[in-house]
């Protein structure tokens, strides 16, 4: 669904009415204190926080593949057979040799992007709170 300028303005007005920005400011202050206590770079934490708020405002949700990777990393950590575990076995059986090679390469690249995202996000969400 494409959001119009009018609907975006309406959403912004509702955020202001409901104290969204006040909550963000309070949360940011709390995260700053936490970062300082844990020795986390505050500038890096603020960039992450800003990205998280922007994602929330845009209404984006994590994609299914990222959620699979996140669950794997949270339950078992980085494992040597991650690509094998993330492979869609039924789909993989239908591919030719060349297509299997391409699929595995694309899956590997996608996994590495998801892994980097996970590390970025969880550096601030879990460090010192677990």
Protein backbone atom coordinates (compact mmCIF):
# COMPACT_ATOMS: atom_id res chain seq x y z
CA UNK A 1 0.00 0.00 0.00
CA UNK A 2 1.47 3.32 -1.07
CA UNK A 3 1.31 6.00 1.55
CA UNK A 4 0.19 9.43 0.38
CA UNK A 5 1.49 12.75 1.63
CA UNK A 6 -1.82 13.27 3.38
CA UNK A 7 -1.64 9.92 5.18
CA UNK A 8 2.00 10.55 6.15
CA UNK A 9 1.04 13.93 7.62
CA UNK A 10 -1.81 12.31 9.53
CA UNK A 11 0.54 9.67 10.94
CA UNK A 12 3.04 12.36 11.99
CA UNK A 13 0.29 14.32 13.74
CA UNK A 14 -0.83 11.19 15.64
CA UNK A 15 2.77 10.52 16.72
CA UNK A 16 2.95 14.02 18.15
CA UNK A 17 -0.43 13.75 19.90
CA UNK A 18 0.41 10.40 21.48
CA UNK A 19 3.80 11.54 22.79
CA UNK A 20 5.86 9.39 20.43
CA UNK A 21 8.75 11.86 20.33
CA UNK A 22 8.74 12.34 24.10
CA UNK A 23 8.97 8.56 24.52
CA UNK A 24 11.81 8.45 21.97
CA UNK A 25 13.71 11.14 23.85
CA UNK A 26 13.30 9.28 27.15
CA UNK A 27 14.33 5.98 25.56
CA UNK A 28 17.35 7.64 23.93
CA UNK A 29 18.44 9.13 27.27
CA UNK A 30 18.11 5.70 28.87
CA UNK A 31 20.09 4.05 26.06
CA UNK A 32 22.80 6.72 26.34
CA UNK A 33 23.20 5.99 30.05
CA UNK A 34 23.28 2.25 29.35
CA UNK A 35 25.87 2.73 26.58
CA UNK A 36 28.05 4.82 28.88
CA UNK A 37 27.83 2.18 31.64
CA UNK A 38 28.72 -0.63 29.23
CA UNK A 39 31.51 1.26 27.46
CA UNK A 40 29.62 1.29 24.16
CA UNK A 41 30.40 4.13 21.74
CA UNK A 42 27.55 6.61 22.25
CA UNK A 43 27.68 7.98 18.69
CA UNK A 44 27.37 4.47 17.28
CA UNK A 45 24.47 3.74 19.63
CA UNK A 46 22.70 6.97 18.59
CA UNK A 47 23.04 6.11 14.89
CA UNK A 48 21.56 2.67 15.58
CA UNK A 49 18.75 4.19 17.65
CA UNK A 50 17.93 6.72 14.89
CA UNK A 51 17.84 3.92 12.30
CA UNK A 52 15.53 1.89 14.54
CA UNK A 53 13.11 4.83 14.97
CA UNK A 54 13.13 5.56 11.23
CA UNK A 55 12.34 1.90 10.51
CA UNK A 56 9.47 2.04 13.00
CA UNK A 57 8.07 5.21 11.42
CA UNK A 58 8.25 3.69 7.92
CA UNK A 59 6.33 0.68 9.25
CA UNK A 60 8.97 -1.79 8.10
CA UNK A 61 9.16 -5.23 9.65
CA UNK A 62 12.01 -7.73 9.46
CA UNK A 63 11.78 -10.11 6.52
CA UNK A 64 11.22 -13.82 7.07
CA UNK A 65 14.77 -14.81 6.12
CA UNK A 66 16.28 -12.37 8.62
CA UNK A 67 13.99 -13.74 11.33
CA UNK A 68 15.20 -17.29 10.56
CA UNK A 69 18.83 -16.18 10.77
CA UNK A 70 18.18 -14.25 13.99
CA UNK A 71 16.49 -17.27 15.59
CA UNK A 72 19.37 -19.52 14.57
CA UNK A 73 21.95 -17.10 15.99
CA UNK A 74 20.04 -16.61 19.23
CA UNK A 75 19.54 -20.32 19.85
CA UNK A 76 22.80 -21.79 18.55
CA UNK A 77 25.14 -18.92 17.72
CA UNK A 78 27.22 -18.91 14.57
CA UNK A 79 27.30 -22.46 13.25
CA UNK A 80 29.45 -23.88 10.46
CA UNK A 81 26.46 -25.36 8.60
CA UNK A 82 24.25 -22.24 8.63
CA UNK A 83 23.83 -22.21 4.83
CA UNK A 84 22.74 -25.86 4.84
CA UNK A 85 20.21 -25.17 7.58
CA UNK A 86 18.80 -22.15 5.74
CA UNK A 87 18.56 -23.91 2.37
CA UNK A 88 15.05 -24.63 1.12
CA UNK A 89 15.64 -28.34 0.52
CA UNK A 90 12.54 -28.96 -1.62
CA UNK A 91 13.35 -26.03 -3.91
CA UNK A 92 17.04 -26.97 -4.03
CA UNK A 93 16.18 -30.48 -5.35
CA UNK A 94 14.49 -28.93 -8.40
CA UNK A 95 17.56 -26.96 -9.51
CA UNK A 96 20.20 -27.80 -12.09
CA UNK A 97 23.85 -27.91 -11.05
CA UNK A 98 24.48 -24.31 -12.16
CA UNK A 99 21.29 -23.09 -10.49
CA UNK A 100 22.30 -24.84 -7.26
CA UNK A 101 25.65 -23.05 -7.35
CA UNK A 102 23.97 -19.69 -7.94
CA UNK A 103 21.35 -20.37 -5.24
CA UNK A 104 24.03 -21.27 -2.69
CA UNK A 105 26.08 -18.19 -3.51
CA UNK A 106 23.03 -15.89 -3.25
CA UNK A 107 21.98 -17.56 0.01
CA UNK A 108 25.51 -17.09 1.40
CA UNK A 109 25.48 -13.39 0.53
CA UNK A 110 22.03 -12.97 2.04
CA UNK A 111 23.17 -14.77 5.20
CA UNK A 112 26.22 -12.53 5.57
CA UNK A 113 24.04 -9.40 5.27
CA UNK A 114 21.63 -10.80 7.87
CA UNK A 115 24.54 -11.72 10.16
CA UNK A 116 25.95 -8.18 9.97
CA UNK A 117 22.51 -6.73 10.67
CA UNK A 118 22.11 -9.05 13.65
CA UNK A 119 25.48 -8.03 15.07
CA UNK A 120 24.63 -4.33 14.64
CA UNK A 121 21.23 -4.67 16.29
CA UNK A 122 22.14 -6.99 19.13
CA UNK A 123 25.28 -5.12 20.11
CA UNK A 124 22.94 -2.57 21.65
CA UNK A 125 19.96 -4.72 22.56
CA UNK A 126 21.66 -7.56 24.39
CA UNK A 127 25.11 -6.33 25.50
CA UNK A 128 25.06 -5.98 29.26
CA UNK A 129 21.35 -6.80 29.57
CA UNK A 130 21.38 -10.56 29.16
